[in-house]
């Protein structure tokens, strides 16, 4: 015998009215049907739920215990119905994902179509910002979920590993560095560079590493995105540093070579971050679980 919510409500109706007859009437069933349902419940739990008196019925101790649980179960059932109702009505759930430029251009276009097709009532707004800005926004509570570079971990936030995002050096095929499999940053700093605009967190990280080596990078040109940089480098104007995934994508458009960069700073990761993943709204938790589950799909060859 499976637990029937109708039977639990019947028990509460009997308790409320103090009578099997009135409880049956409130439940819109016959007295005989009411008695049979109570009997089956008592048989299932091997207890007596009521004692009969001239003025009606009273709960036994077992009946009182069952009534307390019935109230909780029925309350949870009502909450479940309320939670499901918007979805049955075609709820449109909106989320904002803050992300750095690498996540937005190289990773999310691969993943978001799948998620949106699986969840047709979901709307996602991408808000591009620098990783340090995303960290600050989530710490302050103005953002809930973000994708950031591993350079910007915060002791106040939780993080989950989203994807490897290593950096490479790109150069024209005719450049004298072409043909190297891997190099340290120090071996490249004597060459002219093409870089991102100064406000980009990636550019700031590269320049920080150069300063640690007591070097200043010589820039021939600064550009706003990886595609523009790849085009200029392919034409023989300097070398540049960009995420490996961006280089692999842009090699199908522009002719250049890439060289892996060594060192922990270059083997960076993208992290999914929030104040507390368990405290996020259900829609954000579901989306977060999807993003993290795609880690194997994002592996670089």
C-alpha atoms as a PDB file:
ATOM      1  CA  UNK A   1       0.000   0.000   0.000  1.00  0.00           C
ATOM      2  CA  UNK A   2       1.433   3.323  -1.055  1.00  0.00           C
ATOM      3  CA  UNK A   3       1.062   6.431   1.082  1.00  0.00           C
ATOM      4  CA  UNK A   4      -1.931   8.406  -0.190  1.00  0.00           C
ATOM      5  CA  UNK A   5      -2.103  12.162   0.441  1.00  0.00           C
ATOM      6  CA  UNK A   6      -5.892  11.872   0.337  1.00  0.00           C
ATOM      7  CA  UNK A   7      -5.789   9.546   3.351  1.00  0.00           C
ATOM      8  CA  UNK A   8      -3.593  12.001   5.246  1.00  0.00           C
ATOM      9  CA  UNK A   9      -6.027  14.818   4.527  1.00  0.00           C
ATOM     10  CA  UNK A  10      -8.888  12.555   5.605  1.00  0.00           C
ATOM     11  CA  UNK A  11      -7.187  12.025   8.981  1.00  0.00           C
ATOM     12  CA  UNK A  12      -6.860  15.795   9.424  1.00  0.00           C
ATOM     13  CA  UNK A  13     -10.510  16.320   8.478  1.00  0.00           C
ATOM     14  CA  UNK A  14     -11.589  13.751  11.089  1.00  0.00           C
ATOM     15  CA  UNK A  15      -9.395  15.378  13.729  1.00  0.00           C
ATOM     16  CA  UNK A  16     -10.732  18.802  12.769  1.00  0.00           C
ATOM     17  CA  UNK A  17     -14.373  17.776  13.025  1.00  0.00           C
ATOM     18  CA  UNK A  18     -13.972  15.249  15.829  1.00  0.00           C
ATOM     19  CA  UNK A  19     -16.119  12.771  13.916  1.00  0.00           C
ATOM     20  CA  UNK A  20     -15.683  10.051  11.315  1.00  0.00           C
ATOM     21  CA  UNK A  21     -19.010  11.024   9.755  1.00  0.00           C
ATOM     22  CA  UNK A  22     -18.181  14.721   9.469  1.00  0.00           C
ATOM     23  CA  UNK A  23     -14.628  13.974   8.381  1.00  0.00           C
ATOM     24  CA  UNK A  24     -15.993  11.750   5.610  1.00  0.00           C
ATOM     25  CA  UNK A  25     -18.416  14.483   4.535  1.00  0.00           C
ATOM     26  CA  UNK A  26     -15.658  17.079   4.389  1.00  0.00           C
ATOM     27  CA  UNK A  27     -13.587  14.670   2.296  1.00  0.00           C
ATOM     28  CA  UNK A  28     -16.599  14.002   0.024  1.00  0.00           C
ATOM     29  CA  UNK A  29     -16.632  10.225   0.589  1.00  0.00           C
ATOM     30  CA  UNK A  30     -19.052   7.841   2.261  1.00  0.00           C
ATOM     31  CA  UNK A  31     -18.722   6.833   5.904  1.00  0.00           C
ATOM     32  CA  UNK A  32     -18.045   3.245   4.810  1.00  0.00           C
ATOM     33  CA  UNK A  33     -15.237   4.338   2.484  1.00  0.00           C
ATOM     34  CA  UNK A  34     -13.832   6.508   5.263  1.00  0.00           C
ATOM     35  CA  UNK A  35     -13.811   3.583   7.707  1.00  0.00           C
ATOM     36  CA  UNK A  36     -12.104   1.316   5.169  1.00  0.00           C
ATOM     37  CA  UNK A  37      -9.360   3.861   4.515  1.00  0.00           C
ATOM     38  CA  UNK A  38      -8.708   4.336   8.226  1.00  0.00           C
ATOM     39  CA  UNK A  39      -8.638   0.562   8.734  1.00  0.00           C
ATOM     40  CA  UNK A  40      -6.047   0.132   5.948  1.00  0.00           C
ATOM     41  CA  UNK A  41      -3.856   2.835   7.470  1.00  0.00           C
ATOM     42  CA  UNK A  42      -4.045   1.180  10.869  1.00  0.00           C
ATOM     43  CA  UNK A  43      -3.176  -2.190   9.317  1.00  0.00           C
ATOM     44  CA  UNK A  44      -0.243  -0.725   7.430  1.00  0.00           C
ATOM     45  CA  UNK A  45       1.385   0.730  10.550  1.00  0.00           C
ATOM     46  CA  UNK A  46      -0.004  -1.943  12.936  1.00  0.00           C
ATOM     47  CA  UNK A  47      -1.453   0.695  15.245  1.00  0.00           C
ATOM     48  CA  UNK A  48      -4.787   2.077  16.356  1.00  0.00           C
ATOM     49  CA  UNK A  49      -5.259   5.715  15.308  1.00  0.00           C
ATOM     50  CA  UNK A  50      -8.549   6.575  17.036  1.00  0.00           C
ATOM     51  CA  UNK A  51     -10.599   5.629  20.063  1.00  0.00           C
ATOM     52  CA  UNK A  52     -14.370   5.812  19.608  1.00  0.00           C
ATOM     53  CA  UNK A  53     -16.603   7.635  22.086  1.00  0.00           C
ATOM     54  CA  UNK A  54     -20.283   8.550  22.230  1.00  0.00           C
ATOM     55  CA  UNK A  55     -19.427  12.091  21.124  1.00  0.00           C
ATOM     56  CA  UNK A  56     -17.083  11.029  18.301  1.00  0.00           C
ATOM     57  CA  UNK A  57     -13.451   9.963  18.099  1.00  0.00           C
ATOM     58  CA  UNK A  58     -10.192  10.931  19.757  1.00  0.00           C
ATOM     59  CA  UNK A  59      -6.622  10.355  18.619  1.00  0.00           C
ATOM     60  CA  UNK A  60      -4.422   7.752  20.227  1.00  0.00           C
ATOM     61  CA  UNK A  61      -0.763   8.592  20.821  1.00  0.00           C
ATOM     62  CA  UNK A  62       0.051   6.865  17.512  1.00  0.00           C
ATOM     63  CA  UNK A  63      -2.716   8.892  15.880  1.00  0.00           C
ATOM     64  CA  UNK A  64      -1.263  12.131  17.248  1.00  0.00           C
ATOM     65  CA  UNK A  65       2.154  11.236  15.851  1.00  0.00           C
ATOM     66  CA  UNK A  66       0.711  10.373  12.441  1.00  0.00           C
ATOM     67  CA  UNK A  67      -1.270  13.638  12.433  1.00  0.00           C
ATOM     68  CA  UNK A  68       1.866  15.712  13.069  1.00  0.00           C
ATOM     69  CA  UNK A  69       3.656  14.047  10.164  1.00  0.00           C
ATOM     70  CA  UNK A  70       0.576  14.307   7.947  1.00  0.00           C
ATOM     71  CA  UNK A  71       0.494  18.079   8.513  1.00  0.00           C
ATOM     72  CA  UNK A  72       4.148  18.390   7.519  1.00  0.00           C
ATOM     73  CA  UNK A  73       3.787  16.142   4.457  1.00  0.00           C
ATOM     74  CA  UNK A  74       0.702  17.970   3.186  1.00  0.00           C
ATOM     75  CA  UNK A  75       2.376  21.321   3.759  1.00  0.00           C
ATOM     76  CA  UNK A  76       5.371  20.170   1.706  1.00  0.00           C
ATOM     77  CA  UNK A  77       2.976  18.916  -0.960  1.00  0.00           C
ATOM     78  CA  UNK A  78       1.370  22.354  -1.211  1.00  0.00           C
ATOM     79  CA  UNK A  79       4.787  24.002  -1.435  1.00  0.00           C
ATOM     80  CA  UNK A  80       5.757  21.571  -4.191  1.00  0.00           C
ATOM     81  CA  UNK A  81       2.621  22.421  -6.146  1.00  0.00           C
ATOM     82  CA  UNK A  82       3.364  26.129  -5.785  1.00  0.00           C
ATOM     83  CA  UNK A  83       6.944  25.593  -6.968  1.00  0.00           C
ATOM     84  CA  UNK A  84       5.855  23.539  -9.993  1.00  0.00           C
ATOM     85  CA  UNK A  85       2.982  25.803 -11.064  1.00  0.00           C
ATOM     86  CA  UNK A  86       5.137  28.465 -12.772  1.00  0.00           C
ATOM     87  CA  UNK A  87       6.915  25.800 -14.840  1.00  0.00           C
ATOM     88  CA  UNK A  88       3.592  24.319 -15.935  1.00  0.00           C
ATOM     89  CA  UNK A  89       2.586  27.823 -17.015  1.00  0.00           C
ATOM     90  CA  UNK A  90       5.762  28.238 -19.100  1.00  0.00           C
ATOM     91  CA  UNK A  91       7.912  30.098 -16.585  1.00  0.00           C
ATOM     92  CA  UNK A  92      10.616  32.257 -18.100  1.00  0.00           C
ATOM     93  CA  UNK A  93      13.696  32.156 -15.876  1.00  0.00           C
ATOM     94  CA  UNK A  94      16.284  34.910 -16.360  1.00  0.00           C
ATOM     95  CA  UNK A  95      19.898  34.677 -15.207  1.00  0.00           C
ATOM     96  CA  UNK A  96      22.923  36.937 -15.478  1.00  0.00           C
ATOM     97  CA  UNK A  97      26.350  35.339 -15.884  1.00  0.00           C
ATOM     98  CA  UNK A  98      29.307  37.648 -15.426  1.00  0.00           C
ATOM     99  CA  UNK A  99      32.340  36.484 -17.412  1.00  0.00           C
ATOM    100  CA  UNK A 100      35.733  37.647 -18.551  1.00  0.00           C
ATOM    101  CA  UNK A 101      36.534  38.109 -22.244  1.00  0.00           C
ATOM    102  CA  UNK A 102      38.155  34.688 -22.630  1.00  0.00           C
ATOM    103  CA  UNK A 103      35.115  32.860 -21.227  1.00  0.00           C
ATOM    104  CA  UNK A 104      32.702  34.895 -23.308  1.00  0.00           C
ATOM    105  CA  UNK A 105      34.478  34.552 -26.656  1.00  0.00           C
ATOM    106  CA  UNK A 106      36.053  31.086 -26.426  1.00  0.00           C
ATOM    107  CA  UNK A 107      33.970  28.852 -24.158  1.00  0.00           C
ATOM    108  CA  UNK A 108      30.382  29.973 -23.680  1.00  0.00           C
ATOM    109  CA  UNK A 109      29.431  30.035 -27.403  1.00  0.00           C
ATOM    110  CA  UNK A 110      30.210  26.309 -27.434  1.00  0.00           C
ATOM    111  CA  UNK A 111      28.092  25.476 -24.383  1.00  0.00           C
ATOM    112  CA  UNK A 112      25.169  27.876 -24.167  1.00  0.00           C
ATOM    113  CA  UNK A 113      23.245  26.690 -27.265  1.00  0.00           C
ATOM    114  CA  UNK A 114      22.987  23.197 -25.772  1.00  0.00           C
ATOM    115  CA  UNK A 115      21.734  24.501 -22.422  1.00  0.00           C
ATOM    116  CA  UNK A 116      19.220  26.893 -23.987  1.00  0.00           C
ATOM    117  CA  UNK A 117      17.818  24.180 -26.251  1.00  0.00           C
ATOM    118  CA  UNK A 118      17.397  21.854 -23.270  1.00  0.00           C
ATOM    119  CA  UNK A 119      15.757  24.638 -21.240  1.00  0.00           C
ATOM    120  CA  UNK A 120      13.533  26.596 -23.647  1.00  0.00           C
ATOM    121  CA  UNK A 121      12.097  28.904 -20.966  1.00  0.00           C
ATOM    122  CA  UNK A 122      15.488  30.113 -19.747  1.00  0.00           C
ATOM    123  CA  UNK A 123      17.026  33.449 -20.688  1.00  0.00           C
ATOM    124  CA  UNK A 124      20.728  34.136 -20.044  1.00  0.00           C
ATOM    125  CA  UNK A 125      22.368  37.548 -20.108  1.00  0.00           C
ATOM    126  CA  UNK A 126      26.146  37.619 -20.397  1.00  0.00           C
ATOM    127  CA  UNK A 127      27.838  40.565 -18.735  1.00  0.00           C
ATOM    128  CA  UNK A 128      31.483  40.911 -19.761  1.00  0.00           C
ATOM    129  CA  UNK A 129      33.830  42.368 -17.183  1.00  0.00           C
ATOM    130  CA  UNK A 130      37.393  41.991 -15.992  1.00  0.00           C
ATOM    131  CA  UNK A 131      37.953  39.164 -13.513  1.00  0.00           C
ATOM    132  CA  UNK A 132      38.783  41.531 -10.647  1.00  0.00           C
ATOM    133  CA  UNK A 133      35.544  43.446 -11.310  1.00  0.00           C
ATOM    134  CA  UNK A 134      33.536  40.197 -11.266  1.00  0.00           C
ATOM    135  CA  UNK A 135      35.077  39.184  -7.948  1.00  0.00           C
ATOM    136  CA  UNK A 136      34.207  42.586  -6.450  1.00  0.00           C
ATOM    137  CA  UNK A 137      30.629  42.459  -7.796  1.00  0.00           C
ATOM    138  CA  UNK A 138      29.972  39.004  -6.315  1.00  0.00           C
ATOM    139  CA  UNK A 139      31.570  39.934  -2.990  1.00  0.00           C
ATOM    140  CA  UNK A 140      29.310  43.013  -2.822  1.00  0.00           C
ATOM    141  CA  UNK A 141      26.212  41.028  -3.820  1.00  0.00           C
ATOM    142  CA  UNK A 142      25.522  42.869  -7.085  1.00  0.00           C
ATOM    143  CA  UNK A 143      26.316  39.692  -9.069  1.00  0.00           C
ATOM    144  CA  UNK A 144      25.513  36.079  -8.240  1.00  0.00           C
ATOM    145  CA  UNK A 145      27.584  33.939 -10.619  1.00  0.00           C
ATOM    146  CA  UNK A 146      30.774  34.579 -12.562  1.00  0.00           C
ATOM    147  CA  UNK A 147      33.525  33.016 -14.662  1.00  0.00           C
ATOM    148  CA  UNK A 148      36.930  34.403 -13.763  1.00  0.00           C
ATOM    149  CA  UNK A 149      40.603  33.768 -14.320  1.00  0.00           C
ATOM    150  CA  UNK A 150      42.307  31.702 -11.633  1.00  0.00           C
ATOM    151  CA  UNK A 151      44.615  34.687 -11.055  1.00  0.00           C
ATOM    152  CA  UNK A 152      41.840  36.408  -9.098  1.00  0.00           C
ATOM    153  CA  UNK A 153      40.798  33.974  -6.358  1.00  0.00           C
ATOM    154  CA  UNK A 154      39.017  35.505  -3.369  1.00  0.00           C
ATOM    155  CA  UNK A 155      38.987  34.200   0.195  1.00  0.00           C
ATOM    156  CA  UNK A 156      35.354  35.360   0.473  1.00  0.00           C
ATOM    157  CA  UNK A 157      34.045  33.373  -2.510  1.00  0.00           C
ATOM    158  CA  UNK A 158      33.643  29.727  -3.435  1.00  0.00           C
ATOM    159  CA  UNK A 159      35.135  28.540  -6.729  1.00  0.00           C
ATOM    160  CA  UNK A 160      34.794  25.477  -8.943  1.00  0.00           C
ATOM    161  CA  UNK A 161      37.162  24.599 -11.769  1.00  0.00           C
ATOM    162  CA  UNK A 162      35.487  25.266 -15.113  1.00  0.00           C
ATOM    163  CA  UNK A 163      38.201  24.856 -17.785  1.00  0.00           C
ATOM    164  CA  UNK A 164      41.907  24.926 -18.487  1.00  0.00           C
ATOM    165  CA  UNK A 165      42.821  28.202 -20.188  1.00  0.00           C
ATOM    166  CA  UNK A 166      46.563  28.100 -20.959  1.00  0.00           C
ATOM    167  CA  UNK A 167      48.366  30.919 -22.719  1.00  0.00           C
ATOM    168  CA  UNK A 168      50.480  30.665 -25.878  1.00  0.00           C
ATOM    169  CA  UNK A 169      52.752  32.955 -27.852  1.00  0.00           C
ATOM    170  CA  UNK A 170      51.748  33.507 -31.481  1.00  0.00           C
ATOM    171  CA  UNK A 171      54.024  34.667 -34.288  1.00  0.00           C
ATOM    172  CA  UNK A 172      54.121  34.758 -38.074  1.00  0.00           C
ATOM    173  CA  UNK A 173      55.447  31.575 -39.760  1.00  0.00           C
ATOM    174  CA  UNK A 174      58.430  33.593 -40.973  1.00  0.00           C
ATOM    175  CA  UNK A 175      59.327  34.834 -37.479  1.00  0.00           C
ATOM    176  CA  UNK A 176      62.574  33.516 -36.008  1.00  0.00           C
ATOM    177  CA  UNK A 177      60.712  32.038 -33.007  1.00  0.00           C
ATOM    178  CA  UNK A 178      58.503  29.929 -35.243  1.00  0.00           C
ATOM    179  CA  UNK A 179      59.129  26.217 -34.793  1.00  0.00           C
ATOM    180  CA  UNK A 180      59.675  26.252 -31.034  1.00  0.00           C
ATOM    181  CA  UNK A 181      57.435  23.827 -29.158  1.00  0.00           C
ATOM    182  CA  UNK A 182      57.566  25.681 -25.838  1.00  0.00           C
ATOM    183  CA  UNK A 183      59.276  28.724 -24.382  1.00  0.00           C
ATOM    184  CA  UNK A 184      59.545  30.641 -21.144  1.00  0.00           C
ATOM    185  CA  UNK A 185      58.236  34.209 -21.126  1.00  0.00           C
ATOM    186  CA  UNK A 186      61.760  35.505 -20.448  1.00  0.00           C
ATOM    187  CA  UNK A 187      62.907  34.135 -23.822  1.00  0.00           C
ATOM    188  CA  UNK A 188      60.324  36.220 -25.692  1.00  0.00           C
ATOM    189  CA  UNK A 189      60.595  39.637 -24.094  1.00  0.00           C
ATOM    190  CA  UNK A 190      63.323  40.963 -26.371  1.00  0.00           C
ATOM    191  CA  UNK A 191      60.908  40.890 -29.319  1.00  0.00           C
ATOM    192  CA  UNK A 192      58.325  43.571 -30.193  1.00  0.00           C
ATOM    193  CA  UNK A 193      54.803  42.703 -29.027  1.00  0.00           C
ATOM    194  CA  UNK A 194      51.251  43.288 -30.135  1.00  0.00           C
ATOM    195  CA  UNK A 195      49.046  43.484 -27.056  1.00  0.00           C
ATOM    196  CA  UNK A 196      45.547  44.004 -25.774  1.00  0.00           C
ATOM    197  CA  UNK A 197      44.431  47.367 -24.456  1.00  0.00           C
ATOM    198  CA  UNK A 198      45.886  48.154 -21.033  1.00  0.00           C
ATOM    199  CA  UNK A 199      42.608  47.669 -19.129  1.00  0.00           C
ATOM    200  CA  UNK A 200      42.400  43.929 -19.975  1.00  0.00           C
ATOM    201  CA  UNK A 201      43.175  41.696 -16.982  1.00  0.00           C
ATOM    202  CA  UNK A 202      45.139  39.310 -19.225  1.00  0.00           C
ATOM    203  CA  UNK A 203      47.367  42.150 -20.365  1.00  0.00           C
ATOM    204  CA  UNK A 204      47.874  43.271 -16.784  1.00  0.00           C
ATOM    205  CA  UNK A 205      48.914  39.738 -15.829  1.00  0.00           C
ATOM    206  CA  UNK A 206      51.420  39.518 -18.690  1.00  0.00           C
ATOM    207  CA  UNK A 207      52.968  42.844 -17.746  1.00  0.00           C
ATOM    208  CA  UNK A 208      53.158  41.829 -14.081  1.00  0.00           C
ATOM    209  CA  UNK A 209      55.117  38.716 -15.082  1.00  0.00           C
ATOM    210  CA  UNK A 210      57.462  40.828 -17.220  1.00  0.00           C
ATOM    211  CA  UNK A 211      58.146  43.195 -14.320  1.00  0.00           C
ATOM    212  CA  UNK A 212      58.988  40.210 -12.100  1.00  0.00           C
ATOM    213  CA  UNK A 213      61.663  39.421 -14.705  1.00  0.00           C
ATOM    214  CA  UNK A 214      62.886  43.056 -14.585  1.00  0.00           C
ATOM    215  CA  UNK A 215      61.724  43.589 -18.172  1.00  0.00           C
ATOM    216  CA  UNK A 216      59.433  46.030 -19.940  1.00  0.00           C
ATOM    217  CA  UNK A 217      57.452  44.817 -22.923  1.00  0.00           C
ATOM    218  CA  UNK A 218      57.938  46.812 -26.115  1.00  0.00           C
ATOM    219  CA  UNK A 219      54.537  47.235 -27.775  1.00  0.00           C
ATOM    220  CA  UNK A 220      54.237  48.090 -31.438  1.00  0.00           C
ATOM    221  CA  UNK A 221      50.451  48.133 -31.263  1.00  0.00           C
ATOM    222  CA  UNK A 222      47.588  47.578 -28.808  1.00  0.00           C
ATOM    223  CA  UNK A 223      44.255  46.211 -30.033  1.00  0.00           C
ATOM    224  CA  UNK A 224      40.876  45.486 -28.401  1.00  0.00           C
ATOM    225  CA  UNK A 225      40.454  41.752 -29.143  1.00  0.00           C
ATOM    226  CA  UNK A 226      42.216  38.514 -30.065  1.00  0.00           C
ATOM    227  CA  UNK A 227      40.999  38.457 -33.686  1.00  0.00           C
ATOM    228  CA  UNK A 228      42.540  41.841 -34.433  1.00  0.00           C
ATOM    229  CA  UNK A 229      45.788  40.786 -32.760  1.00  0.00           C
ATOM    230  CA  UNK A 230      45.954  37.513 -34.749  1.00  0.00           C
ATOM    231  CA  UNK A 231      45.474  39.368 -38.043  1.00  0.00           C
ATOM    232  CA  UNK A 232      48.268  41.850 -37.297  1.00  0.00           C
ATOM    233  CA  UNK A 233      50.667  39.161 -36.038  1.00  0.00           C
ATOM    234  CA  UNK A 234      49.984  37.004 -39.120  1.00  0.00           C
ATOM    235  CA  UNK A 235      51.084  39.974 -41.215  1.00  0.00           C
ATOM    236  CA  UNK A 236      54.453  39.968 -39.475  1.00  0.00           C
ATOM    237  CA  UNK A 237      53.987  42.762 -36.937  1.00  0.00           C
ATOM    238  CA  UNK A 238      55.461  41.458 -33.669  1.00  0.00           C
ATOM    239  CA  UNK A 239      54.452  38.549 -31.439  1.00  0.00           C
ATOM    240  CA  UNK A 240      51.533  38.281 -29.030  1.00  0.00           C
ATOM    241  CA  UNK A 241      50.181  36.268 -26.118  1.00  0.00           C
ATOM    242  CA  UNK A 242      46.628  34.926 -26.063  1.00  0.00           C
ATOM    243  CA  UNK A 243      44.618  31.952 -24.732  1.00  0.00           C
ATOM    244  CA  UNK A 244      45.404  28.719 -26.562  1.00  0.00           C
ATOM    245  CA  UNK A 245      41.723  28.130 -27.386  1.00  0.00           C
ATOM    246  CA  UNK A 246      41.559  31.522 -29.111  1.00  0.00           C
ATOM    247  CA  UNK A 247      44.731  30.742 -31.066  1.00  0.00           C
ATOM    248  CA  UNK A 248      43.353  27.379 -32.234  1.00  0.00           C
ATOM    249  CA  UNK A 249      40.129  29.035 -33.370  1.00  0.00           C
ATOM    250  CA  UNK A 250      41.847  31.913 -35.171  1.00  0.00           C
ATOM    251  CA  UNK A 251      44.385  29.687 -36.962  1.00  0.00           C
ATOM    252  CA  UNK A 252      41.588  28.684 -39.325  1.00  0.00           C
ATOM    253  CA  UNK A 253      41.337  32.337 -40.390  1.00  0.00           C
ATOM    254  CA  UNK A 254      44.862  33.743 -40.131  1.00  0.00           C
ATOM    255  CA  UNK A 255      48.226  32.137 -40.841  1.00  0.00           C
ATOM    256  CA  UNK A 256      50.390  32.112 -37.734  1.00  0.00           C
ATOM    257  CA  UNK A 257      52.169  29.633 -35.461  1.00  0.00           C
ATOM    258  CA  UNK A 258      51.712  29.247 -31.723  1.00  0.00           C
ATOM    259  CA  UNK A 259      54.225  28.280 -29.055  1.00  0.00           C
ATOM    260  CA  UNK A 260      53.254  26.914 -25.631  1.00  0.00           C
ATOM    261  CA  UNK A 261      54.379  29.100 -22.733  1.00  0.00           C
ATOM    262  CA  UNK A 262      55.871  27.416 -19.688  1.00  0.00           C
ATOM    263  CA  UNK A 263      55.327  28.350 -16.054  1.00  0.00           C
ATOM    264  CA  UNK A 264      52.419  28.174 -13.631  1.00  0.00           C
ATOM    265  CA  UNK A 265      51.217  31.684 -14.510  1.00  0.00           C
ATOM    266  CA  UNK A 266      50.696  30.661 -18.161  1.00  0.00           C
ATOM    267  CA  UNK A 267      48.901  27.394 -17.350  1.00  0.00           C
ATOM    268  CA  UNK A 268      45.929  29.263 -15.938  1.00  0.00           C
ATOM    269  CA  UNK A 269      42.390  28.047 -15.318  1.00  0.00           C
ATOM    270  CA  UNK A 270      38.926  29.518 -15.590  1.00  0.00           C
ATOM    271  CA  UNK A 271      36.906  29.262 -12.389  1.00  0.00           C
ATOM    272  CA  UNK A 272      33.172  29.435 -11.757  1.00  0.00           C
ATOM    273  CA  UNK A 273      32.590  31.537  -8.658  1.00  0.00           C
ATOM    274  CA  UNK A 274      29.777  32.526  -6.285  1.00  0.00           C
ATOM    275  CA  UNK A 275      29.437  33.580  -2.669  1.00  0.00           C
ATOM    276  CA  UNK A 276      27.955  30.178  -1.832  1.00  0.00           C
ATOM    277  CA  UNK A 277      26.763  27.766  -4.528  1.00  0.00           C
ATOM    278  CA  UNK A 278      24.267  26.106  -2.157  1.00  0.00           C
ATOM    279  CA  UNK A 279      22.591  29.463  -1.461  1.00  0.00           C
ATOM    280  CA  UNK A 280      22.071  30.345  -5.140  1.00  0.00           C
ATOM    281  CA  UNK A 281      18.521  30.311  -6.567  1.00  0.00           C
ATOM    282  CA  UNK A 282      17.582  26.906  -7.991  1.00  0.00           C
ATOM    283  CA  UNK A 283      17.903  28.147 -11.583  1.00  0.00           C
ATOM    284  CA  UNK A 284      21.482  29.322 -10.948  1.00  0.00           C
ATOM    285  CA  UNK A 285      22.372  26.051  -9.200  1.00  0.00           C
ATOM    286  CA  UNK A 286      21.073  24.066 -12.165  1.00  0.00           C
ATOM    287  CA  UNK A 287      23.035  26.243 -14.607  1.00  0.00           C
ATOM    288  CA  UNK A 288      26.200  25.983 -12.489  1.00  0.00           C
ATOM    289  CA  UNK A 289      25.957  22.181 -12.426  1.00  0.00           C
ATOM    290  CA  UNK A 290      25.610  22.159 -16.209  1.00  0.00           C
ATOM    291  CA  UNK A 291      28.679  24.361 -16.729  1.00  0.00           C
ATOM    292  CA  UNK A 292      30.880  22.280 -14.440  1.00  0.00           C
ATOM    293  CA  UNK A 293      29.662  19.036 -16.038  1.00  0.00           C
ATOM    294  CA  UNK A 294      31.030  20.203 -19.397  1.00  0.00           C
ATOM    295  CA  UNK A 295      34.667  20.213 -18.259  1.00  0.00           C
ATOM    296  CA  UNK A 296      35.634  17.189 -20.373  1.00  0.00           C
ATOM    297  CA  UNK A 297      34.149  18.790 -23.481  1.00  0.00           C
ATOM    298  CA  UNK A 298      36.379  21.841 -23.029  1.00  0.00           C
ATOM    299  CA  UNK A 299      39.675  19.973 -22.906  1.00  0.00           C
ATOM    300  CA  UNK A 300      42.243  21.221 -25.415  1.00  0.00           C
ATOM    301  CA  UNK A 301      43.975  18.790 -27.762  1.00  0.00           C
END
